[in-house]
C-alpha atoms as a PDB file:
ATOM      1  CA  ASP A   1      -8.357  -2.867  -9.382  1.00  0.00           C
ATOM      2  CA  LEU A   2      -4.918  -1.495  -8.630  1.00  0.00           C
ATOM      3  CA  GLN A   3      -2.729   0.038 -11.283  1.00  0.00           C
ATOM      4  CA  VAL A   4       0.959   0.786 -10.779  1.00  0.00           C
ATOM      5  CA  VAL A   5       3.138   2.720 -13.200  1.00  0.00           C
ATOM      6  CA  MET A   6       6.572   1.138 -13.570  1.00  0.00           C
ATOM      7  CA  ARG A   7       9.614   2.963 -14.874  1.00  0.00           C
ATOM      8  CA  HIS A   8      11.872   1.304 -17.390  1.00  0.00           C
ATOM      9  CA  PRO A   9      15.271   0.320 -15.980  1.00  0.00           C
ATOM     10  CA  ARG A  10      18.278   2.213 -17.228  1.00  0.00           C
ATOM     11  CA  THR A  11      20.413   0.381 -19.774  1.00  0.00           C
ATOM     12  CA  GLU A  12      23.523   0.904 -17.610  1.00  0.00           C
ATOM     13  CA  ASP A  13      21.868  -0.818 -14.644  1.00  0.00           C
ATOM     14  CA  LEU A  14      20.844  -3.808 -16.756  1.00  0.00           C
ATOM     15  CA  ALA A  15      24.352  -4.076 -18.186  1.00  0.00           C
ATOM     16  CA  ARG A  16      25.809  -4.145 -14.651  1.00  0.00           C
ATOM     17  CA  VAL A  17      23.466  -6.960 -13.624  1.00  0.00           C
ATOM     18  CA  PHE A  18      24.456  -9.055 -16.637  1.00  0.00           C
ATOM     19  CA  ALA A  19      28.117  -8.341 -15.850  1.00  0.00           C
ATOM     20  CA  GLY A  20      27.610  -9.813 -12.382  1.00  0.00           C
ATOM     21  CA  ALA A  21      27.538  -6.560 -10.416  1.00  0.00           C
ATOM     22  CA  GLU A  22      24.630  -5.356  -8.341  1.00  0.00           C
ATOM     23  CA  ALA A  23      22.489  -2.758 -10.016  1.00  0.00           C
ATOM     24  CA  ALA A  24      22.653   0.620  -8.373  1.00  0.00           C
ATOM     25  CA  SER A  25      19.377   1.905  -6.985  1.00  0.00           C
ATOM     26  CA  PRO A  26      18.456   5.328  -8.303  1.00  0.00           C
ATOM     27  CA  VAL A  27      19.033   8.106  -5.812  1.00  0.00           C
ATOM     28  CA  GLY A  28      16.404   8.064  -3.076  1.00  0.00           C
ATOM     29  CA  GLU A  29      15.149   4.555  -3.836  1.00  0.00           C
ATOM     30  CA  GLU A  30      15.476   1.541  -1.574  1.00  0.00           C
ATOM     31  CA  SER A  31      17.428  -1.575  -2.408  1.00  0.00           C
ATOM     32  CA  SER A  32      15.579  -4.846  -2.948  1.00  0.00           C
ATOM     33  CA  ARG A  33      16.977  -6.126   0.341  1.00  0.00           C
ATOM     34  CA  THR A  34      15.578  -3.140   2.250  1.00  0.00           C
ATOM     35  CA  VAL A  35      12.164  -3.558   0.632  1.00  0.00           C
ATOM     36  CA  ALA A  36      12.182  -7.301   1.394  1.00  0.00           C
ATOM     37  CA  ASP A  37      12.922  -6.528   5.071  1.00  0.00           C
ATOM     38  CA  ARG A  38      10.011  -4.056   5.199  1.00  0.00           C
ATOM     39  CA  VAL A  39       7.680  -6.618   3.616  1.00  0.00           C
ATOM     40  CA  ARG A  40       8.742  -9.283   6.138  1.00  0.00           C
ATOM     41  CA  GLY A  41       8.088  -6.865   8.998  1.00  0.00           C
ATOM     42  CA  ALA A  42       4.670  -5.926   7.614  1.00  0.00           C
ATOM     43  CA  ARG A  43       3.706  -9.590   7.227  1.00  0.00           C
ATOM     44  CA  GLN A  44       4.760 -10.299  10.812  1.00  0.00           C
ATOM     45  CA  ARG A  45       2.591  -7.425  12.077  1.00  0.00           C
ATOM     46  CA  MET A  46      -0.369  -8.767  10.085  1.00  0.00           C
ATOM     47  CA  GLN A  47       0.103 -12.298  11.432  1.00  0.00           C
ATOM     48  CA  VAL A  48       0.086 -11.046  15.017  1.00  0.00           C
ATOM     49  CA  ARG A  49      -2.767  -8.539  14.643  1.00  0.00           C
ATOM     50  CA  ASN A  50      -5.204  -9.996  12.100  1.00  0.00           C
ATOM     51  CA  PRO A  51      -7.700 -12.817  12.704  1.00  0.00           C
ATOM     52  CA  ASP A  52      -6.123 -16.154  11.786  1.00  0.00           C
ATOM     53  CA  GLY A  53      -2.953 -14.255  10.842  1.00  0.00           C
ATOM     54  CA  CYS A  54      -4.377 -13.417   7.420  1.00  0.00           C
ATOM     55  CA  GLY A  55      -3.033 -10.724   5.150  1.00  0.00           C
ATOM     56  CA  ASN A  56      -4.822  -7.376   5.045  1.00  0.00           C
ATOM     57  CA  GLY A  57      -6.260  -8.148   1.627  1.00  0.00           C
ATOM     58  CA  LEU A  58      -8.261 -11.016   3.133  1.00  0.00           C
ATOM     59  CA  LEU A  59      -9.705  -9.092   6.066  1.00  0.00           C
ATOM     60  CA  LEU A  60     -13.465  -9.248   6.356  1.00  0.00           C
ATOM     61  CA  ALA A  61     -15.376  -5.971   6.458  1.00  0.00           C
ATOM     62  CA  LYS A  62     -16.467  -6.675  10.048  1.00  0.00           C
ATOM     63  CA  ASP A  63     -12.815  -6.959  11.146  1.00  0.00           C
ATOM     64  CA  LEU A  64     -11.571  -3.819   9.416  1.00  0.00           C
ATOM     65  CA  SER A  65     -12.890  -1.209  11.846  1.00  0.00           C
ATOM     66  CA  GLY A  66     -10.984  -2.646  14.798  1.00  0.00           C
ATOM     67  CA  ILE A  67      -7.794  -3.211  12.835  1.00  0.00           C
ATOM     68  CA  LEU A  68      -7.554   0.013  10.836  1.00  0.00           C
ATOM     69  CA  ALA A  69      -6.868   2.424  13.697  1.00  0.00           C
ATOM     70  CA  MET A  70      -7.576   5.222  11.219  1.00  0.00           C
ATOM     71  CA  GLU A  71      -6.834   8.838  12.078  1.00  0.00           C
ATOM     72  CA  GLU A  72      -9.761  11.263  11.781  1.00  0.00           C
ATOM     73  CA  GLY A  73      -8.207  13.105   8.827  1.00  0.00           C
ATOM     74  CA  ALA A  74      -7.696   9.792   7.048  1.00  0.00           C
ATOM     75  CA  ARG A  75     -11.328   8.827   7.605  1.00  0.00           C
ATOM     76  CA  GLN A  76     -12.528  12.175   6.277  1.00  0.00           C
ATOM     77  CA  LEU A  77     -10.354  11.862   3.163  1.00  0.00           C
ATOM     78  CA  TRP A  78     -11.583   8.301   2.567  1.00  0.00           C
ATOM     79  CA  GLU A  79     -15.254   9.307   2.899  1.00  0.00           C
ATOM     80  CA  SER A  80     -15.013  12.395   0.699  1.00  0.00           C
ATOM     81  CA  THR A  81     -13.016  10.628  -2.031  1.00  0.00           C
ATOM     82  CA  LEU A  82     -15.329   7.622  -1.933  1.00  0.00           C
ATOM     83  CA  GLU A  83     -18.295   9.919  -2.481  1.00  0.00           C
ATOM     84  CA  ARG A  84     -16.598  12.056  -5.142  1.00  0.00           C
ATOM     85  CA  ARG A  85     -15.476   9.042  -7.172  1.00  0.00           C
ATOM     86  CA  GLN A  86     -18.720   7.201  -6.508  1.00  0.00           C
ATOM     87  CA  LEU A  87     -16.923   3.995  -5.607  1.00  0.00           C
ATOM     88  CA  SER A  88     -18.835   0.926  -4.530  1.00  0.00           C
ATOM     89  CA  VAL A  89     -18.666  -0.404  -0.996  1.00  0.00           C
ATOM     90  CA  ARG A  90     -16.413  -3.162  -2.310  1.00  0.00           C
ATOM     91  CA  GLY A  91     -14.068  -0.595  -3.879  1.00  0.00           C
ATOM     92  CA  GLY A  92     -14.005   1.472  -0.698  1.00  0.00           C
ATOM     93  CA  LEU A  93     -13.114  -1.557   1.419  1.00  0.00           C
ATOM     94  CA  LYS A  94     -10.312  -2.465  -0.981  1.00  0.00           C
ATOM     95  CA  VAL A  95      -8.868   1.026  -0.500  1.00  0.00           C
ATOM     96  CA  LEU A  96      -8.998   0.592   3.296  1.00  0.00           C
ATOM     97  CA  ARG A  97      -7.265  -2.793   3.134  1.00  0.00           C
ATOM     98  CA  LEU A  98      -4.557  -1.343   0.921  1.00  0.00           C
ATOM     99  CA  ALA A  99      -4.120   1.698   3.175  1.00  0.00           C
ATOM    100  CA  ARG A 100      -3.665  -0.642   6.166  1.00  0.00           C
ATOM    101  CA  THR A 101      -0.960  -2.474   4.192  1.00  0.00           C
ATOM    102  CA  ILE A 102       0.755   0.809   3.294  1.00  0.00           C
ATOM    103  CA  ALA A 103       0.756   1.740   6.998  1.00  0.00           C
ATOM    104  CA  ASP A 104       2.171  -1.698   7.878  1.00  0.00           C
ATOM    105  CA  LEU A 105       4.968  -1.283   5.340  1.00  0.00           C
ATOM    106  CA  ALA A 106       5.800   2.078   6.945  1.00  0.00           C
ATOM    107  CA  ASP A 107       5.636   0.470  10.426  1.00  0.00           C
ATOM    108  CA  GLN A 108       2.830   2.840  11.420  1.00  0.00           C
ATOM    109  CA  PRO A 109       0.303   1.600  14.003  1.00  0.00           C
ATOM    110  CA  ARG A 110      -2.399   3.962  12.684  1.00  0.00           C
ATOM    111  CA  VAL A 111      -3.613   4.511   9.136  1.00  0.00           C
ATOM    112  CA  GLU A 112      -2.738   8.111   8.342  1.00  0.00           C
ATOM    113  CA  ARG A 113      -4.140  10.436   5.713  1.00  0.00           C
ATOM    114  CA  SER A 114      -1.066   9.855   3.527  1.00  0.00           C
ATOM    115  CA  ALA A 115      -1.752   6.079   3.426  1.00  0.00           C
ATOM    116  CA  ILE A 116      -5.348   6.716   2.300  1.00  0.00           C
ATOM    117  CA  ALA A 117      -4.137   9.152  -0.377  1.00  0.00           C
ATOM    118  CA  GLU A 118      -1.544   6.649  -1.615  1.00  0.00           C
ATOM    119  CA  ALA A 119      -4.098   3.838  -1.711  1.00  0.00           C
ATOM    120  CA  PHE A 120      -6.443   5.984  -3.796  1.00  0.00           C
ATOM    121  CA  SER A 121      -3.553   6.909  -6.102  1.00  0.00           C
ATOM    122  CA  TYR A 122      -3.310   3.273  -7.197  1.00  0.00           C
ATOM    123  CA  ARG A 123      -6.854   3.642  -8.500  1.00  0.00           C
ATOM    124  CA  SER A 124      -5.968   6.854 -10.314  1.00  0.00           C
ATOM    125  CA  PHE A 125      -6.837   5.573 -13.772  1.00  0.00           C
ATOM    126  CA  GLU A 126     -10.512   5.457 -12.926  1.00  0.00           C
ATOM    127  CA  PRO A 127     -12.484   8.313 -14.423  1.00  0.00           C
ATOM    128  CA  LEU A 128     -12.900  11.156 -11.959  1.00  0.00           C
ATOM    129  CA  LEU A 129     -16.460  12.394 -11.775  1.00  0.00           C
END
């Protein structure tokens, strides 16, 4: 399963929201509107590309290979990390689906090594063997 670490909002930002002002995004972070636009774009790409327009999380294993468009370095990282962490086939496929979603959110046609690394990072609380 995925695990995401969330930071606590700053008191000043919460106070601004309750005062009716928009909360300022911390330096280097995207606004909610920008993130929503990226999510809409990713969903549109999935609808066009995936069988029956399904989301990446619902892709069947047999459909993944044609949809992933994974770079060689990404494939090597996936295989070596899968073996090192001794993940099940099910766990490995979940990582691939998530990496495809990360690439879609970045508007990348191919799954790069960085998307595989990020997808594995959301499983970082698993014991490393």
